[in-house]
Amino acid sequence: METFLKIENIKLWARVGVLEEERKLGQLFCLDIFLWTDFAKCTAKDDIKETVDYGKLVEILKNQSKKIYCFTIEKYSNAILEIINQEFKLSKIKIILTKCNPPITGFDGKVSIVRIIENN
């Protein structure tokens, strides 16, 4: 049975973008995270110490996003993966990072990057 933890719609404010104004003022991003790990110990013991403390993870990501300053969503997504990977020992991580209001004339959509890493 495949089991993963999903944390969705994390709102992050970061200074990411090609335009100087995006990096100066920042903008809203939404993040969905999928985390794979062995949940057997947590399930058996009902012990929060045996699982991912997602409250802590969200807090870390929100704090770190305030320090982000880069041109591309690709670089930002890599920083997020590194933060998660350093904080938690997981077998697989998937993120969907969405730029909620990209400054593209005549475009009312969103832009997302999907990244997946597997640790062996």
PDB file of N, CA and C in Angstrom:
ATOM      1  N   MET A   1       0.840  -1.173   0.000  1.00  0.00           N
ATOM      2  CA  MET A   1       0.000   0.000   0.000  1.00  0.00           C
ATOM      3  C   MET A   1       0.892   1.246   0.000  1.00  0.00           C
ATOM      4  N   GLU A   2       0.644   2.131  -0.932  1.00  0.00           N
ATOM      5  CA  GLU A   2       1.386   3.390  -0.985  1.00  0.00           C
ATOM      6  C   GLU A   2       0.669   4.426  -0.132  1.00  0.00           C
ATOM      7  N   THR A   3       1.433   5.066   0.748  1.00  0.00           N
ATOM      8  CA  THR A   3       0.876   6.096   1.623  1.00  0.00           C
ATOM      9  C   THR A   3       1.779   7.311   1.580  1.00  0.00           C
ATOM     10  N   PHE A   4       1.177   8.483   1.460  1.00  0.00           N
ATOM     11  CA  PHE A   4       1.948   9.717   1.519  1.00  0.00           C
ATOM     12  C   PHE A   4       1.122  10.771   2.229  1.00  0.00           C
ATOM     13  N   LEU A   5       1.815  11.767   2.733  1.00  0.00           N
ATOM     14  CA  LEU A   5       1.187  12.892   3.405  1.00  0.00           C
ATOM     15  C   LEU A   5       1.112  14.033   2.412  1.00  0.00           C
ATOM     16  N   LYS A   6      -0.062  14.648   2.308  1.00  0.00           N
ATOM     17  CA  LYS A   6      -0.245  15.765   1.385  1.00  0.00           C
ATOM     18  C   LYS A   6      -0.561  17.020   2.189  1.00  0.00           C
ATOM     19  N   ILE A   7       0.203  18.067   1.946  1.00  0.00           N
ATOM     20  CA  ILE A   7      -0.036  19.370   2.557  1.00  0.00           C
ATOM     21  C   ILE A   7      -0.317  20.305   1.390  1.00  0.00           C
ATOM     22  N   GLU A   8      -1.493  20.904   1.378  1.00  0.00           N
ATOM     23  CA  GLU A   8      -1.832  21.698   0.207  1.00  0.00           C
ATOM     24  C   GLU A   8      -2.165  23.146   0.519  1.00  0.00           C
ATOM     25  N   ASN A   9      -1.936  23.959  -0.495  1.00  0.00           N
ATOM     26  CA  ASN A   9      -2.297  25.370  -0.500  1.00  0.00           C
ATOM     27  C   ASN A   9      -1.562  26.177   0.581  1.00  0.00           C
ATOM     28  N   ILE A  10      -0.268  25.923   0.719  1.00  0.00           N
ATOM     29  CA  ILE A  10       0.559  26.728   1.620  1.00  0.00           C
ATOM     30  C   ILE A  10       0.839  28.049   0.900  1.00  0.00           C
ATOM     31  N   LYS A  11       0.482  29.140   1.516  1.00  0.00           N
ATOM     32  CA  LYS A  11       0.695  30.467   0.925  1.00  0.00           C
ATOM     33  C   LYS A  11       2.079  30.977   1.336  1.00  0.00           C
ATOM     34  N   LEU A  12       2.889  31.321   0.352  1.00  0.00           N
ATOM     35  CA  LEU A  12       4.239  31.817   0.589  1.00  0.00           C
ATOM     36  C   LEU A  12       4.437  33.128  -0.168  1.00  0.00           C
ATOM     37  N   TRP A  13       5.107  34.066   0.467  1.00  0.00           N
ATOM     38  CA  TRP A  13       5.456  35.328  -0.174  1.00  0.00           C
ATOM     39  C   TRP A  13       6.956  35.314  -0.413  1.00  0.00           C
ATOM     40  N   ALA A  14       7.356  35.461  -1.661  1.00  0.00           N
ATOM     41  CA  ALA A  14       8.784  35.400  -1.983  1.00  0.00           C
ATOM     42  C   ALA A  14       9.118  36.399  -3.077  1.00  0.00           C
ATOM     43  N   ARG A  15      10.391  36.769  -3.118  1.00  0.00           N
ATOM     44  CA  ARG A  15      10.887  37.718  -4.117  1.00  0.00           C
ATOM     45  C   ARG A  15      11.540  36.932  -5.250  1.00  0.00           C
ATOM     46  N   VAL A  16      10.687  36.454  -6.147  1.00  0.00           N
ATOM     47  CA  VAL A  16      11.130  35.597  -7.247  1.00  0.00           C
ATOM     48  C   VAL A  16      10.534  36.121  -8.542  1.00  0.00           C
ATOM     49  N   GLY A  17      11.358  36.284  -9.546  1.00  0.00           N
ATOM     50  CA  GLY A  17      10.851  36.689 -10.847  1.00  0.00           C
ATOM     51  C   GLY A  17      11.910  37.339 -11.707  1.00  0.00           C
ATOM     52  N   VAL A  18      11.665  37.354 -12.985  1.00  0.00           N
ATOM     53  CA  VAL A  18      12.578  37.946 -13.945  1.00  0.00           C
ATOM     54  C   VAL A  18      12.550  39.474 -13.842  1.00  0.00           C
ATOM     55  N   LEU A  19      11.367  40.016 -13.611  1.00  0.00           N
ATOM     56  CA  LEU A  19      11.240  41.468 -13.508  1.00  0.00           C
ATOM     57  C   LEU A  19      11.797  41.962 -12.172  1.00  0.00           C
ATOM     58  N   GLU A  20      12.510  43.075 -12.227  1.00  0.00           N
ATOM     59  CA  GLU A  20      13.100  43.642 -11.016  1.00  0.00           C
ATOM     60  C   GLU A  20      12.028  43.907  -9.951  1.00  0.00           C
ATOM     61  N   GLU A  21      10.869  44.352 -10.379  1.00  0.00           N
ATOM     62  CA  GLU A  21       9.768  44.638  -9.447  1.00  0.00           C
ATOM     63  C   GLU A  21       9.325  43.381  -8.688  1.00  0.00           C
ATOM     64  N   GLU A  22       9.347  42.240  -9.347  1.00  0.00           N
ATOM     65  CA  GLU A  22       8.975  40.982  -8.689  1.00  0.00           C
ATOM     66  C   GLU A  22       9.951  40.647  -7.565  1.00  0.00           C
ATOM     67  N   ARG A  23      11.229  40.871  -7.823  1.00  0.00           N
ATOM     68  CA  ARG A  23      12.241  40.578  -6.811  1.00  0.00           C
ATOM     69  C   ARG A  23      12.279  41.632  -5.718  1.00  0.00           C
ATOM     70  N   LYS A  24      11.889  42.853  -6.043  1.00  0.00           N
ATOM     71  CA  LYS A  24      11.890  43.927  -5.056  1.00  0.00           C
ATOM     72  C   LYS A  24      10.677  43.837  -4.129  1.00  0.00           C
ATOM     73  N   LEU A  25       9.489  43.689  -4.703  1.00  0.00           N
ATOM     74  CA  LEU A  25       8.250  43.702  -3.917  1.00  0.00           C
ATOM     75  C   LEU A  25       7.819  42.316  -3.453  1.00  0.00           C
ATOM     76  N   GLY A  26       8.173  41.296  -4.198  1.00  0.00           N
ATOM     77  CA  GLY A  26       7.721  39.943  -3.889  1.00  0.00           C
ATOM     78  C   GLY A  26       6.337  39.689  -4.440  1.00  0.00           C
ATOM     79  N   GLN A  27       5.916  38.435  -4.308  1.00  0.00           N
ATOM     80  CA  GLN A  27       4.596  38.049  -4.798  1.00  0.00           C
ATOM     81  C   GLN A  27       4.172  36.741  -4.151  1.00  0.00           C
ATOM     82  N   LEU A  28       2.908  36.415  -4.340  1.00  0.00           N
ATOM     83  CA  LEU A  28       2.313  35.242  -3.715  1.00  0.00           C
ATOM     84  C   LEU A  28       2.568  33.978  -4.533  1.00  0.00           C
ATOM     85  N   PHE A  29       2.948  32.938  -3.808  1.00  0.00           N
ATOM     86  CA  PHE A  29       3.092  31.601  -4.366  1.00  0.00           C
ATOM     87  C   PHE A  29       2.245  30.660  -3.531  1.00  0.00           C
ATOM     88  N   CYS A  30       1.756  29.594  -4.143  1.00  0.00           N
ATOM     89  CA  CYS A  30       1.044  28.530  -3.433  1.00  0.00           C
ATOM     90  C   CYS A  30       1.857  27.253  -3.610  1.00  0.00           C
ATOM     91  N   LEU A  31       1.908  26.470  -2.548  1.00  0.00           N
ATOM     92  CA  LEU A  31       2.725  25.268  -2.564  1.00  0.00           C
ATOM     93  C   LEU A  31       1.912  24.073  -2.087  1.00  0.00           C
ATOM     94  N   ASP A  32       1.970  22.998  -2.854  1.00  0.00           N
ATOM     95  CA  ASP A  32       1.426  21.702  -2.440  1.00  0.00           C
ATOM     96  C   ASP A  32       2.613  20.761  -2.290  1.00  0.00           C
ATOM     97  N   ILE A  33       2.593  19.994  -1.208  1.00  0.00           N
ATOM     98  CA  ILE A  33       3.695  19.083  -0.915  1.00  0.00           C
ATOM     99  C   ILE A  33       3.142  17.678  -0.698  1.00  0.00           C
ATOM    100  N   PHE A  34       3.831  16.695  -1.254  1.00  0.00           N
ATOM    101  CA  PHE A  34       3.516  15.282  -1.064  1.00  0.00           C
ATOM    102  C   PHE A  34       4.761  14.638  -0.468  1.00  0.00           C
ATOM    103  N   LEU A  35       4.604  13.950   0.662  1.00  0.00           N
ATOM    104  CA  LEU A  35       5.748  13.382   1.372  1.00  0.00           C
ATOM    105  C   LEU A  35       5.557  11.885   1.591  1.00  0.00           C
ATOM    106  N   TRP A  36       6.547  11.106   1.175  1.00  0.00           N
ATOM    107  CA  TRP A  36       6.532   9.667   1.368  1.00  0.00           C
ATOM    108  C   TRP A  36       7.550   9.305   2.438  1.00  0.00           C
ATOM    109  N   THR A  37       7.130   8.532   3.400  1.00  0.00           N
ATOM    110  CA  THR A  37       8.022   8.018   4.428  1.00  0.00           C
ATOM    111  C   THR A  37       7.371   6.768   5.014  1.00  0.00           C
ATOM    112  N   ASP A  38       8.032   6.138   5.937  1.00  0.00           N
ATOM    113  CA  ASP A  38       7.471   4.963   6.601  1.00  0.00           C
ATOM    114  C   ASP A  38       6.562   5.435   7.740  1.00  0.00           C
ATOM    115  N   PHE A  39       5.287   5.294   7.558  1.00  0.00           N
ATOM    116  CA  PHE A  39       4.314   5.723   8.562  1.00  0.00           C
ATOM    117  C   PHE A  39       3.948   4.606   9.539  1.00  0.00           C
ATOM    118  N   ALA A  40       4.627   3.461   9.455  1.00  0.00           N
ATOM    119  CA  ALA A  40       4.271   2.296  10.276  1.00  0.00           C
ATOM    120  C   ALA A  40       4.414   2.571  11.772  1.00  0.00           C
ATOM    121  N   LYS A  41       5.516   3.179  12.189  1.00  0.00           N
ATOM    122  CA  LYS A  41       5.722   3.454  13.616  1.00  0.00           C
ATOM    123  C   LYS A  41       4.680   4.426  14.154  1.00  0.00           C
ATOM    124  N   CYS A  42       4.395   5.458  13.388  1.00  0.00           N
ATOM    125  CA  CYS A  42       3.375   6.425  13.820  1.00  0.00           C
ATOM    126  C   CYS A  42       2.012   5.755  13.905  1.00  0.00           C
ATOM    127  N   THR A  43       1.721   4.937  12.926  1.00  0.00           N
ATOM    128  CA  THR A  43       0.437   4.243  12.907  1.00  0.00           C
ATOM    129  C   THR A  43       0.306   3.296  14.099  1.00  0.00           C
ATOM    130  N   ALA A  44       1.352   2.564  14.378  1.00  0.00           N
ATOM    131  CA  ALA A  44       1.318   1.592  15.478  1.00  0.00           C
ATOM    132  C   ALA A  44       1.263   2.263  16.851  1.00  0.00           C
ATOM    133  N   LYS A  45       2.050   3.312  17.033  1.00  0.00           N
ATOM    134  CA  LYS A  45       2.160   3.951  18.342  1.00  0.00           C
ATOM    135  C   LYS A  45       1.301   5.197  18.505  1.00  0.00           C
ATOM    136  N   ASP A  46       0.734   5.691  17.402  1.00  0.00           N
ATOM    137  CA  ASP A  46      -0.009   6.955  17.415  1.00  0.00           C
ATOM    138  C   ASP A  46       0.852   8.056  18.040  1.00  0.00           C
ATOM    139  N   ASP A  47       2.117   8.113  17.597  1.00  0.00           N
ATOM    140  CA  ASP A  47       3.114   9.006  18.171  1.00  0.00           C
ATOM    141  C   ASP A  47       3.534  10.047  17.132  1.00  0.00           C
ATOM    142  N   ILE A  48       3.264  11.293  17.435  1.00  0.00           N
ATOM    143  CA  ILE A  48       3.593  12.375  16.498  1.00  0.00           C
ATOM    144  C   ILE A  48       5.090  12.479  16.230  1.00  0.00           C
ATOM    145  N   LYS A  49       5.917  12.012  17.151  1.00  0.00           N
ATOM    146  CA  LYS A  49       7.365  12.057  16.962  1.00  0.00           C
ATOM    147  C   LYS A  49       7.823  11.077  15.881  1.00  0.00           C
ATOM    148  N   GLU A  50       6.952  10.173  15.508  1.00  0.00           N
ATOM    149  CA  GLU A  50       7.280   9.145  14.516  1.00  0.00           C
ATOM    150  C   GLU A  50       6.751   9.492  13.115  1.00  0.00           C
ATOM    151  N   THR A  51       6.371  10.745  12.925  1.00  0.00           N
ATOM    152  CA  THR A  51       5.867  11.155  11.619  1.00  0.00           C
ATOM    153  C   THR A  51       6.411  12.529  11.275  1.00  0.00           C
ATOM    154  N   VAL A  52       5.954  13.112  10.199  1.00  0.00           N
ATOM    155  CA  VAL A  52       6.385  14.439   9.766  1.00  0.00           C
ATOM    156  C   VAL A  52       5.576  15.489  10.516  1.00  0.00           C
ATOM    157  N   ASP A  53       6.268  16.376  11.200  1.00  0.00           N
ATOM    158  CA  ASP A  53       5.600  17.486  11.877  1.00  0.00           C
ATOM    159  C   ASP A  53       5.325  18.558  10.831  1.00  0.00           C
ATOM    160  N   TYR A  54       4.159  18.482  10.214  1.00  0.00           N
ATOM    161  CA  TYR A  54       3.876  19.382   9.105  1.00  0.00           C
ATOM    162  C   TYR A  54       3.667  20.824   9.554  1.00  0.00           C
ATOM    163  N   GLY A  55       3.282  21.025  10.821  1.00  0.00           N
ATOM    164  CA  GLY A  55       3.196  22.390  11.347  1.00  0.00           C
ATOM    165  C   GLY A  55       4.567  23.049  11.354  1.00  0.00           C
ATOM    166  N   LYS A  56       5.554  22.297  11.790  1.00  0.00           N
ATOM    167  CA  LYS A  56       6.939  22.776  11.805  1.00  0.00           C
ATOM    168  C   LYS A  56       7.428  23.029  10.380  1.00  0.00           C
ATOM    169  N   LEU A  57       7.109  22.124   9.470  1.00  0.00           N
ATOM    170  CA  LEU A  57       7.537  22.267   8.087  1.00  0.00           C
ATOM    171  C   LEU A  57       6.965  23.535   7.462  1.00  0.00           C
ATOM    172  N   VAL A  58       5.686  23.777   7.650  1.00  0.00           N
ATOM    173  CA  VAL A  58       5.052  24.982   7.091  1.00  0.00           C
ATOM    174  C   VAL A  58       5.708  26.236   7.666  1.00  0.00           C
ATOM    175  N   GLU A  59       5.958  26.248   8.955  1.00  0.00           N
ATOM    176  CA  GLU A  59       6.599  27.400   9.596  1.00  0.00           C
ATOM    177  C   GLU A  59       7.997  27.650   9.023  1.00  0.00           C
ATOM    178  N   ILE A  60       8.771  26.590   8.852  1.00  0.00           N
ATOM    179  CA  ILE A  60      10.118  26.717   8.273  1.00  0.00           C
ATOM    180  C   ILE A  60      10.043  27.288   6.859  1.00  0.00           C
ATOM    181  N   LEU A  61       9.139  26.760   6.045  1.00  0.00           N
ATOM    182  CA  LEU A  61       9.013  27.229   4.659  1.00  0.00           C
ATOM    183  C   LEU A  61       8.583  28.684   4.585  1.00  0.00           C
ATOM    184  N   LYS A  62       7.650  29.079   5.439  1.00  0.00           N
ATOM    185  CA  LYS A  62       7.209  30.481   5.454  1.00  0.00           C
ATOM    186  C   LYS A  62       8.356  31.408   5.857  1.00  0.00           C
ATOM    187  N   ASN A  63       9.127  31.026   6.853  1.00  0.00           N
ATOM    188  CA  ASN A  63      10.260  31.846   7.280  1.00  0.00           C
ATOM    189  C   ASN A  63      11.345  31.913   6.205  1.00  0.00           C
ATOM    190  N   GLN A  64      11.653  30.788   5.584  1.00  0.00           N
ATOM    191  CA  GLN A  64      12.695  30.758   4.567  1.00  0.00           C
ATOM    192  C   GLN A  64      12.285  31.508   3.304  1.00  0.00           C
ATOM    193  N   SER A  65      10.991  31.499   2.985  1.00  0.00           N
ATOM    194  CA  SER A  65      10.549  32.167   1.757  1.00  0.00           C
ATOM    195  C   SER A  65      10.804  33.669   1.821  1.00  0.00           C
ATOM    196  N   LYS A  66      10.823  34.225   3.009  1.00  0.00           N
ATOM    197  CA  LYS A  66      11.097  35.656   3.171  1.00  0.00           C
ATOM    198  C   LYS A  66      12.544  35.992   2.809  1.00  0.00           C
ATOM    199  N   LYS A  67      13.406  34.988   2.796  1.00  0.00           N
ATOM    200  CA  LYS A  67      14.825  35.181   2.501  1.00  0.00           C
ATOM    201  C   LYS A  67      15.172  34.867   1.045  1.00  0.00           C
ATOM    202  N   ILE A  68      14.216  34.340   0.315  1.00  0.00           N
ATOM    203  CA  ILE A  68      14.452  33.935  -1.074  1.00  0.00           C
ATOM    204  C   ILE A  68      14.508  35.161  -1.981  1.00  0.00           C
ATOM    205  N   TYR A  69      15.480  35.163  -2.874  1.00  0.00           N
ATOM    206  CA  TYR A  69      15.651  36.235  -3.849  1.00  0.00           C
ATOM    207  C   TYR A  69      16.297  35.602  -5.074  1.00  0.00           C
ATOM    208  N   CYS A  70      15.476  35.333  -6.093  1.00  0.00           N
ATOM    209  CA  CYS A  70      16.024  34.715  -7.301  1.00  0.00           C
ATOM    210  C   CYS A  70      15.167  35.053  -8.508  1.00  0.00           C
ATOM    211  N   PHE A  71      15.643  34.686  -9.664  1.00  0.00           N
ATOM    212  CA  PHE A  71      14.965  34.999 -10.921  1.00  0.00           C
ATOM    213  C   PHE A  71      13.881  33.992 -11.306  1.00  0.00           C
ATOM    214  N   THR A  72      14.109  32.700 -11.011  1.00  0.00           N
ATOM    215  CA  THR A  72      13.236  31.683 -11.589  1.00  0.00           C
ATOM    216  C   THR A  72      12.500  30.852 -10.534  1.00  0.00           C
ATOM    217  N   ILE A  73      11.336  30.406 -10.936  1.00  0.00           N
ATOM    218  CA  ILE A  73      10.544  29.498 -10.106  1.00  0.00           C
ATOM    219  C   ILE A  73      11.275  28.151  -9.976  1.00  0.00           C
ATOM    220  N   GLU A  74      12.088  27.822 -10.963  1.00  0.00           N
ATOM    221  CA  GLU A  74      12.877  26.592 -10.907  1.00  0.00           C
ATOM    222  C   GLU A  74      13.871  26.637  -9.737  1.00  0.00           C
ATOM    223  N   LYS A  75      14.569  27.758  -9.599  1.00  0.00           N
ATOM    224  CA  LYS A  75      15.535  27.927  -8.505  1.00  0.00           C
ATOM    225  C   LYS A  75      14.819  27.926  -7.154  1.00  0.00           C
ATOM    226  N   TYR A  76      13.689  28.615  -7.079  1.00  0.00           N
ATOM    227  CA  TYR A  76      12.908  28.665  -5.843  1.00  0.00           C
ATOM    228  C   TYR A  76      12.426  27.268  -5.459  1.00  0.00           C
ATOM    229  N   SER A  77      11.939  26.505  -6.428  1.00  0.00           N
ATOM    230  CA  SER A  77      11.460  25.152  -6.133  1.00  0.00           C
ATOM    231  C   SER A  77      12.605  24.270  -5.630  1.00  0.00           C
ATOM    232  N   ASN A  78      13.793  24.460  -6.173  1.00  0.00           N
ATOM    233  CA  ASN A  78      14.953  23.696  -5.722  1.00  0.00           C
ATOM    234  C   ASN A  78      15.294  24.032  -4.267  1.00  0.00           C
ATOM    235  N   ALA A  79      15.199  25.306  -3.907  1.00  0.00           N
ATOM    236  CA  ALA A  79      15.450  25.715  -2.519  1.00  0.00           C
ATOM    237  C   ALA A  79      14.446  25.067  -1.575  1.00  0.00           C
ATOM    238  N   ILE A  80      13.201  24.988  -1.988  1.00  0.00           N
ATOM    239  CA  ILE A  80      12.163  24.351  -1.170  1.00  0.00           C
ATOM    240  C   ILE A  80      12.478  22.873  -0.969  1.00  0.00           C
ATOM    241  N   LEU A  81      12.843  22.186  -2.039  1.00  0.00           N
ATOM    242  CA  LEU A  81      13.196  20.772  -1.936  1.00  0.00           C
ATOM    243  C   LEU A  81      14.378  20.559  -0.995  1.00  0.00           C
ATOM    244  N   GLU A  82      15.373  21.422  -1.088  1.00  0.00           N
ATOM    245  CA  GLU A  82      16.543  21.306  -0.218  1.00  0.00           C
ATOM    246  C   GLU A  82      16.158  21.488   1.250  1.00  0.00           C
ATOM    247  N   ILE A  83      15.291  22.447   1.535  1.00  0.00           N
ATOM    248  CA  ILE A  83      14.832  22.695   2.909  1.00  0.00           C
ATOM    249  C   ILE A  83      14.116  21.465   3.450  1.00  0.00           C
ATOM    250  N   ILE A  84      13.197  20.914   2.677  1.00  0.00           N
ATOM    251  CA  ILE A  84      12.441  19.738   3.117  1.00  0.00           C
ATOM    252  C   ILE A  84      13.379  18.547   3.318  1.00  0.00           C
ATOM    253  N   ASN A  85      14.272  18.356   2.362  1.00  0.00           N
ATOM    254  CA  ASN A  85      15.191  17.219   2.408  1.00  0.00           C
ATOM    255  C   ASN A  85      16.147  17.304   3.600  1.00  0.00           C
ATOM    256  N   GLN A  86      16.584  18.496   3.948  1.00  0.00           N
ATOM    257  CA  GLN A  86      17.485  18.669   5.085  1.00  0.00           C
ATOM    258  C   GLN A  86      16.762  18.461   6.409  1.00  0.00           C
ATOM    259  N   GLU A  87      15.521  18.891   6.491  1.00  0.00           N
ATOM    260  CA  GLU A  87      14.773  18.848   7.752  1.00  0.00           C
ATOM    261  C   GLU A  87      14.227  17.456   8.056  1.00  0.00           C
ATOM    262  N   PHE A  88      13.820  16.728   7.028  1.00  0.00           N
ATOM    263  CA  PHE A  88      13.165  15.439   7.219  1.00  0.00           C
ATOM    264  C   PHE A  88      13.826  14.379   6.337  1.00  0.00           C
ATOM    265  N   LYS A  89      13.918  13.191   6.840  1.00  0.00           N
ATOM    266  CA  LYS A  89      14.464  12.067   6.072  1.00  0.00           C
ATOM    267  C   LYS A  89      13.292  11.334   5.436  1.00  0.00           C
ATOM    268  N   LEU A  90      13.069  11.625   4.167  1.00  0.00           N
ATOM    269  CA  LEU A  90      11.915  11.084   3.454  1.00  0.00           C
ATOM    270  C   LEU A  90      12.373  10.255   2.262  1.00  0.00           C
ATOM    271  N   SER A  91      11.558   9.295   1.879  1.00  0.00           N
ATOM    272  CA  SER A  91      11.926   8.462   0.739  1.00  0.00           C
ATOM    273  C   SER A  91      11.614   9.149  -0.587  1.00  0.00           C
ATOM    274  N   LYS A  92      10.589  10.014  -0.585  1.00  0.00           N
ATOM    275  CA  LYS A  92      10.207  10.690  -1.820  1.00  0.00           C
ATOM    276  C   LYS A  92       9.503  11.998  -1.462  1.00  0.00           C
ATOM    277  N   ILE A  93       9.757  13.020  -2.266  1.00  0.00           N
ATOM    278  CA  ILE A  93       9.129  14.320  -2.081  1.00  0.00           C
ATOM    279  C   ILE A  93       8.630  14.805  -3.441  1.00  0.00           C
ATOM    280  N   LYS A  94       7.415  15.286  -3.462  1.00  0.00           N
ATOM    281  CA  LYS A  94       6.870  15.918  -4.662  1.00  0.00           C
ATOM    282  C   LYS A  94       6.321  17.268  -4.250  1.00  0.00           C
ATOM    283  N   ILE A  95       6.650  18.292  -5.020  1.00  0.00           N
ATOM    284  CA  ILE A  95       6.079  19.605  -4.750  1.00  0.00           C
ATOM    285  C   ILE A  95       5.468  20.172  -6.024  1.00  0.00           C
ATOM    286  N   ILE A  96       4.450  20.975  -5.834  1.00  0.00           N
ATOM    287  CA  ILE A  96       3.875  21.762  -6.920  1.00  0.00           C
ATOM    288  C   ILE A  96       3.918  23.203  -6.434  1.00  0.00           C
ATOM    289  N   LEU A  97       4.785  24.002  -7.039  1.00  0.00           N
ATOM    290  CA  LEU A  97       4.945  25.406  -6.679  1.00  0.00           C
ATOM    291  C   LEU A  97       4.278  26.255  -7.752  1.00  0.00           C
ATOM    292  N   THR A  98       3.345  27.093  -7.329  1.00  0.00           N
ATOM    293  CA  THR A  98       2.542  27.871  -8.264  1.00  0.00           C
ATOM    294  C   THR A  98       2.743  29.361  -8.051  1.00  0.00           C
ATOM    295  N   LYS A  99       3.055  30.048  -9.123  1.00  0.00           N
ATOM    296  CA  LYS A  99       3.107  31.510  -9.132  1.00  0.00           C
ATOM    297  C   LYS A  99       1.682  31.963  -9.412  1.00  0.00           C
ATOM    298  N   CYS A 100       1.056  32.564  -8.416  1.00  0.00           N
ATOM    299  CA  CYS A 100      -0.385  32.818  -8.469  1.00  0.00           C
ATOM    300  C   CYS A 100      -0.793  33.900  -9.468  1.00  0.00           C
ATOM    301  N   ASN A 101       0.021  34.921  -9.624  1.00  0.00           N
ATOM    302  CA  ASN A 101      -0.327  36.042 -10.511  1.00  0.00           C
ATOM    303  C   ASN A 101       0.882  36.472 -11.340  1.00  0.00           C
ATOM    304  N   PRO A 102       1.308  35.641 -12.279  1.00  0.00           N
ATOM    305  CA  PRO A 102       2.478  36.018 -13.071  1.00  0.00           C
ATOM    306  C   PRO A 102       2.188  37.271 -13.899  1.00  0.00           C
ATOM    307  N   PRO A 103       3.156  38.190 -13.949  1.00  0.00           N
ATOM    308  CA  PRO A 103       2.930  39.441 -14.669  1.00  0.00           C
ATOM    309  C   PRO A 103       3.105  39.289 -16.180  1.00  0.00           C
ATOM    310  N   ILE A 104       2.128  38.627 -16.793  1.00  0.00           N
ATOM    311  CA  ILE A 104       2.148  38.410 -18.234  1.00  0.00           C
ATOM    312  C   ILE A 104       0.937  39.116 -18.819  1.00  0.00           C
ATOM    313  N   THR A 105       1.166  40.064 -19.691  1.00  0.00           N
ATOM    314  CA  THR A 105       0.081  40.835 -20.294  1.00  0.00           C
ATOM    315  C   THR A 105      -0.911  39.918 -20.999  1.00  0.00           C
ATOM    316  N   GLY A 106      -2.192  40.100 -20.682  1.00  0.00           N
ATOM    317  CA  GLY A 106      -3.255  39.332 -21.319  1.00  0.00           C
ATOM    318  C   GLY A 106      -3.391  37.907 -20.823  1.00  0.00           C
ATOM    319  N   PHE A 107      -2.744  37.573 -19.710  1.00  0.00           N
ATOM    320  CA  PHE A 107      -2.778  36.208 -19.167  1.00  0.00           C
ATOM    321  C   PHE A 107      -3.303  36.253 -17.746  1.00  0.00           C
ATOM    322  N   ASP A 108      -4.398  35.554 -17.503  1.00  0.00           N
ATOM    323  CA  ASP A 108      -5.004  35.543 -16.175  1.00  0.00           C
ATOM    324  C   ASP A 108      -4.803  34.215 -15.454  1.00  0.00           C
ATOM    325  N   GLY A 109      -3.958  33.368 -15.966  1.00  0.00           N
ATOM    326  CA  GLY A 109      -3.746  32.052 -15.379  1.00  0.00           C
ATOM    327  C   GLY A 109      -2.635  32.038 -14.347  1.00  0.00           C
ATOM    328  N   LYS A 110      -2.211  30.847 -14.029  1.00  0.00           N
ATOM    329  CA  LYS A 110      -1.147  30.613 -13.070  1.00  0.00           C
ATOM    330  C   LYS A 110      -0.057  29.794 -13.750  1.00  0.00           C
ATOM    331  N   VAL A 111       1.126  29.830 -13.165  1.00  0.00           N
ATOM    332  CA  VAL A 111       2.242  29.047 -13.681  1.00  0.00           C
ATOM    333  C   VAL A 111       2.769  28.180 -12.545  1.00  0.00           C
ATOM    334  N   SER A 112       2.933  26.890 -12.809  1.00  0.00           N
ATOM    335  CA  SER A 112       3.410  25.968 -11.774  1.00  0.00           C
ATOM    336  C   SER A 112       4.589  25.155 -12.275  1.00  0.00           C
ATOM    337  N   ILE A 113       5.400  24.732 -11.319  1.00  0.00           N
ATOM    338  CA  ILE A 113       6.449  23.760 -11.598  1.00  0.00           C
ATOM    339  C   ILE A 113       6.210  22.575 -10.673  1.00  0.00           C
ATOM    340  N   VAL A 114       6.363  21.390 -11.211  1.00  0.00           N
ATOM    341  CA  VAL A 114       6.218  20.154 -10.439  1.00  0.00           C
ATOM    342  C   VAL A 114       7.598  19.521 -10.351  1.00  0.00           C
ATOM    343  N   ARG A 115       8.019  19.234  -9.129  1.00  0.00           N
ATOM    344  CA  ARG A 115       9.338  18.630  -8.910  1.00  0.00           C
ATOM    345  C   ARG A 115       9.169  17.398  -8.034  1.00  0.00           C
ATOM    346  N   ILE A 116       9.913  16.349  -8.357  1.00  0.00           N
ATOM    347  CA  ILE A 116       9.877  15.105  -7.592  1.00  0.00           C
ATOM    348  C   ILE A 116      11.309  14.652  -7.356  1.00  0.00           C
ATOM    349  N   ILE A 117      11.635  14.315  -6.115  1.00  0.00           N
ATOM    350  CA  ILE A 117      12.929  13.698  -5.837  1.00  0.00           C
ATOM    351  C   ILE A 117      12.712  12.423  -5.038  1.00  0.00           C
ATOM    352  N   GLU A 118      13.551  11.464  -5.307  1.00  0.00           N
ATOM    353  CA  GLU A 118      13.506  10.207  -4.554  1.00  0.00           C
ATOM    354  C   GLU A 118      14.862   9.983  -3.910  1.00  0.00           C
ATOM    355  N   ASN A 119      14.836   9.653  -2.647  1.00  0.00           N
ATOM    356  CA  ASN A 119      16.052   9.352  -1.906  1.00  0.00           C
ATOM    357  C   ASN A 119      16.165   7.852  -1.743  1.00  0.00           C
ATOM    358  N   ASN A 120      17.305   7.335  -2.088  1.00  0.00           N
ATOM    359  CA  ASN A 120      17.511   5.878  -1.985  1.00  0.00           C
ATOM    360  C   ASN A 120      18.261   5.522  -0.749  1.00  0.00           C
TER     361      ASN A 120
END
